[in-house]
Amino acid sequence: MPIYTREEITAEIGRWKDALKACATGKTYTIDGRQLTRYDLAEIRKHLEWLAGIEASFDGRGTMLVRPLVRR
């Protein structure tokens, strides 16, 4: 699993929030014969929830807290 800093996660959340706003204006559009299809709103929301989970896992020092899972 990659290690992210709090700043990276915050920036990523900002980009995905911008994508959510852009998607609200329309799913597909065409400029000069080129077509762009945006992500699905549900997919964007799902990704934002995932990022929020990562953000919530940071401790007070700005690093990710990882706890081992011991299977018996």
N, C-alpha and C. Protein backbone atom coordinates (compact mmCIF):
# COMPACT_ATOMS: atom_id res chain seq x y z
N MET A 1 0.85 -1.18 0.00
CA MET A 1 0.00 0.00 0.00
C MET A 1 0.89 1.24 0.00
N PRO A 2 0.62 2.18 -0.89
CA PRO A 2 1.44 3.38 -0.94
C PRO A 2 1.25 4.24 0.31
N ILE A 3 2.24 4.99 0.63
CA ILE A 3 2.17 5.88 1.78
C ILE A 3 1.91 7.30 1.27
N TYR A 4 0.90 7.91 1.81
CA TYR A 4 0.53 9.26 1.42
C TYR A 4 0.76 10.21 2.57
N THR A 5 1.07 11.44 2.26
CA THR A 5 1.13 12.47 3.29
C THR A 5 -0.24 13.12 3.40
N ARG A 6 -0.46 13.79 4.50
CA ARG A 6 -1.74 14.48 4.68
C ARG A 6 -1.95 15.52 3.57
N GLU A 7 -0.87 16.19 3.17
CA GLU A 7 -0.97 17.21 2.12
C GLU A 7 -1.38 16.58 0.78
N GLU A 8 -0.81 15.42 0.48
CA GLU A 8 -1.17 14.73 -0.77
C GLU A 8 -2.64 14.33 -0.77
N ILE A 9 -3.12 13.80 0.34
CA ILE A 9 -4.52 13.39 0.42
C ILE A 9 -5.43 14.61 0.33
N THR A 10 -5.07 15.69 1.00
CA THR A 10 -5.87 16.92 0.95
C THR A 10 -5.94 17.45 -0.48
N ALA A 11 -4.81 17.45 -1.19
CA ALA A 11 -4.78 17.91 -2.58
C ALA A 11 -5.63 17.00 -3.46
N GLU A 12 -5.53 15.70 -3.24
CA GLU A 12 -6.30 14.74 -4.03
C GLU A 12 -7.80 14.91 -3.80
N ILE A 13 -8.19 15.14 -2.56
CA ILE A 13 -9.60 15.39 -2.26
C ILE A 13 -10.08 16.64 -2.99
N GLY A 14 -9.25 17.67 -3.01
CA GLY A 14 -9.60 18.90 -3.74
C GLY A 14 -9.81 18.65 -5.22
N ARG A 15 -8.93 17.85 -5.82
CA ARG A 15 -9.07 17.55 -7.26
C ARG A 15 -10.35 16.77 -7.53
N TRP A 16 -10.67 15.80 -6.66
CA TRP A 16 -11.88 15.00 -6.87
C TRP A 16 -13.14 15.81 -6.59
N LYS A 17 -13.07 16.78 -5.68
CA LYS A 17 -14.21 17.67 -5.47
C LYS A 17 -14.43 18.55 -6.70
N ASP A 18 -13.35 18.99 -7.32
CA ASP A 18 -13.45 19.75 -8.56
C ASP A 18 -14.08 18.90 -9.66
N ALA A 19 -13.70 17.62 -9.72
CA ALA A 19 -14.28 16.71 -10.70
C ALA A 19 -15.77 16.53 -10.46
N LEU A 20 -16.18 16.48 -9.20
CA LEU A 20 -17.59 16.35 -8.87
C LEU A 20 -18.37 17.56 -9.35
N LYS A 21 -17.79 18.75 -9.15
CA LYS A 21 -18.44 19.98 -9.63
C LYS A 21 -18.53 20.00 -11.15
N ALA A 22 -17.45 19.59 -11.82
CA ALA A 22 -17.44 19.59 -13.29
C ALA A 22 -18.45 18.59 -13.84
N CYS A 23 -18.59 17.47 -13.18
CA CYS A 23 -19.51 16.43 -13.63
C CYS A 23 -20.96 16.92 -13.53
N ALA A 24 -21.21 17.82 -12.61
CA ALA A 24 -22.57 18.34 -12.44
C ALA A 24 -23.03 19.14 -13.66
N THR A 25 -22.09 19.63 -14.48
CA THR A 25 -22.45 20.41 -15.66
C THR A 25 -22.79 19.54 -16.85
N GLY A 26 -22.49 18.26 -16.80
CA GLY A 26 -22.81 17.35 -17.89
C GLY A 26 -21.81 16.23 -17.97
N LYS A 27 -22.29 15.04 -18.35
CA LYS A 27 -21.42 13.87 -18.38
C LYS A 27 -20.52 13.85 -19.61
N THR A 28 -21.02 14.26 -20.75
CA THR A 28 -20.25 14.20 -21.99
C THR A 28 -20.37 15.52 -22.75
N TYR A 29 -19.28 15.96 -23.33
CA TYR A 29 -19.35 17.12 -24.21
C TYR A 29 -18.32 17.01 -25.31
N THR A 30 -18.50 17.80 -26.37
CA THR A 30 -17.63 17.74 -27.54
C THR A 30 -17.08 19.13 -27.84
N ILE A 31 -15.77 19.20 -28.10
CA ILE A 31 -15.11 20.45 -28.50
C ILE A 31 -14.26 20.13 -29.72
N ASP A 32 -14.48 20.85 -30.81
CA ASP A 32 -13.71 20.67 -32.05
C ASP A 32 -13.64 19.21 -32.48
N GLY A 33 -14.76 18.52 -32.38
CA GLY A 33 -14.81 17.13 -32.83
C GLY A 33 -14.24 16.12 -31.86
N ARG A 34 -13.69 16.59 -30.75
CA ARG A 34 -13.16 15.67 -29.73
C ARG A 34 -14.18 15.56 -28.61
N GLN A 35 -14.40 14.34 -28.16
CA GLN A 35 -15.42 14.11 -27.14
C GLN A 35 -14.77 13.73 -25.80
N LEU A 36 -15.31 14.29 -24.72
CA LEU A 36 -14.84 13.99 -23.38
C LEU A 36 -16.01 13.42 -22.58
N THR A 37 -15.78 12.31 -21.94
CA THR A 37 -16.78 11.71 -21.06
C THR A 37 -16.22 11.71 -19.65
N ARG A 38 -16.97 12.31 -18.74
CA ARG A 38 -16.52 12.41 -17.35
C ARG A 38 -16.91 11.16 -16.58
N TYR A 39 -16.30 11.01 -15.41
CA TYR A 39 -16.65 9.91 -14.51
C TYR A 39 -18.11 10.02 -14.09
N ASP A 40 -18.62 8.92 -13.67
CA ASP A 40 -19.96 8.83 -13.12
C ASP A 40 -19.98 9.50 -11.74
N LEU A 41 -21.06 10.21 -11.40
CA LEU A 41 -21.15 10.86 -10.09
C LEU A 41 -20.99 9.86 -8.96
N ALA A 42 -21.58 8.69 -9.09
CA ALA A 42 -21.47 7.67 -8.04
C ALA A 42 -20.03 7.23 -7.85
N GLU A 43 -19.28 7.10 -8.94
CA GLU A 43 -17.87 6.71 -8.85
C GLU A 43 -17.05 7.79 -8.15
N ILE A 44 -17.34 9.05 -8.45
CA ILE A 44 -16.61 10.15 -7.82
C ILE A 44 -16.90 10.18 -6.32
N ARG A 45 -18.17 10.03 -5.97
CA ARG A 45 -18.53 10.02 -4.54
C ARG A 45 -17.87 8.85 -3.82
N LYS A 46 -17.83 7.69 -4.45
CA LYS A 46 -17.21 6.51 -3.86
C LYS A 46 -15.71 6.77 -3.62
N HIS A 47 -15.05 7.38 -4.59
CA HIS A 47 -13.62 7.68 -4.46
C HIS A 47 -13.38 8.71 -3.35
N LEU A 48 -14.25 9.72 -3.27
CA LEU A 48 -14.13 10.72 -2.21
C LEU A 48 -14.29 10.09 -0.83
N GLU A 49 -15.20 9.12 -0.70
CA GLU A 49 -15.37 8.42 0.58
C GLU A 49 -14.10 7.64 0.92
N TRP A 50 -13.50 7.01 -0.07
CA TRP A 50 -12.26 6.25 0.14
C TRP A 50 -11.14 7.19 0.60
N LEU A 51 -11.02 8.34 -0.06
CA LEU A 51 -10.00 9.31 0.32
C LEU A 51 -10.26 9.85 1.73
N ALA A 52 -11.53 10.06 2.08
CA ALA A 52 -11.87 10.54 3.42
C ALA A 52 -11.47 9.51 4.47
N GLY A 53 -11.60 8.23 4.14
CA GLY A 53 -11.17 7.18 5.05
C GLY A 53 -9.67 7.21 5.29
N ILE A 54 -8.93 7.44 4.22
CA ILE A 54 -7.47 7.56 4.37
C ILE A 54 -7.13 8.79 5.20
N GLU A 55 -7.81 9.90 4.92
CA GLU A 55 -7.55 11.13 5.66
C GLU A 55 -7.85 10.93 7.15
N ALA A 56 -8.91 10.20 7.47
CA ALA A 56 -9.28 9.96 8.86
C ALA A 56 -8.28 9.06 9.58
N SER A 57 -7.48 8.31 8.82
CA SER A 57 -6.53 7.39 9.45
C SER A 57 -5.23 8.06 9.88
N PHE A 58 -5.07 9.33 9.57
CA PHE A 58 -3.86 10.05 9.99
C PHE A 58 -3.93 10.36 11.47
N ASP A 59 -2.80 10.25 12.15
CA ASP A 59 -2.75 10.66 13.55
C ASP A 59 -2.38 12.14 13.60
N GLY A 60 -2.17 12.69 14.79
CA GLY A 60 -1.91 14.12 14.95
C GLY A 60 -0.60 14.60 14.37
N ARG A 61 0.32 13.70 14.02
CA ARG A 61 1.64 14.12 13.52
C ARG A 61 1.68 14.24 11.99
N GLY A 62 0.55 13.96 11.32
CA GLY A 62 0.55 14.08 9.86
C GLY A 62 1.06 12.84 9.15
N THR A 63 1.15 11.73 9.88
CA THR A 63 1.57 10.48 9.24
C THR A 63 0.43 9.48 9.33
N MET A 64 0.48 8.48 8.49
CA MET A 64 -0.58 7.49 8.47
C MET A 64 -0.35 6.47 9.57
N LEU A 65 -1.39 6.21 10.34
CA LEU A 65 -1.32 5.22 11.41
C LEU A 65 -1.75 3.87 10.85
N VAL A 66 -0.86 2.88 10.97
CA VAL A 66 -1.15 1.54 10.46
C VAL A 66 -1.07 0.57 11.62
N ARG A 67 -2.13 -0.20 11.81
CA ARG A 67 -2.14 -1.20 12.88
C ARG A 67 -2.11 -2.57 12.24
N PRO A 68 -1.27 -3.47 12.77
CA PRO A 68 -1.21 -4.82 12.20
C PRO A 68 -2.44 -5.64 12.57
N LEU A 69 -2.83 -6.53 11.70
CA LEU A 69 -3.92 -7.45 11.94
C LEU A 69 -3.32 -8.83 12.13
N VAL A 70 -3.49 -9.38 13.33
CA VAL A 70 -2.92 -10.69 13.63
C VAL A 70 -4.03 -11.72 13.52
N ARG A 71 -3.85 -12.66 12.62
CA ARG A 71 -4.83 -13.73 12.44
C ARG A 71 -4.41 -14.93 13.26
N ARG A 72 -5.33 -15.51 13.92
CA ARG A 72 -5.02 -16.69 14.75
C ARG A 72 -5.71 -17.90 14.20
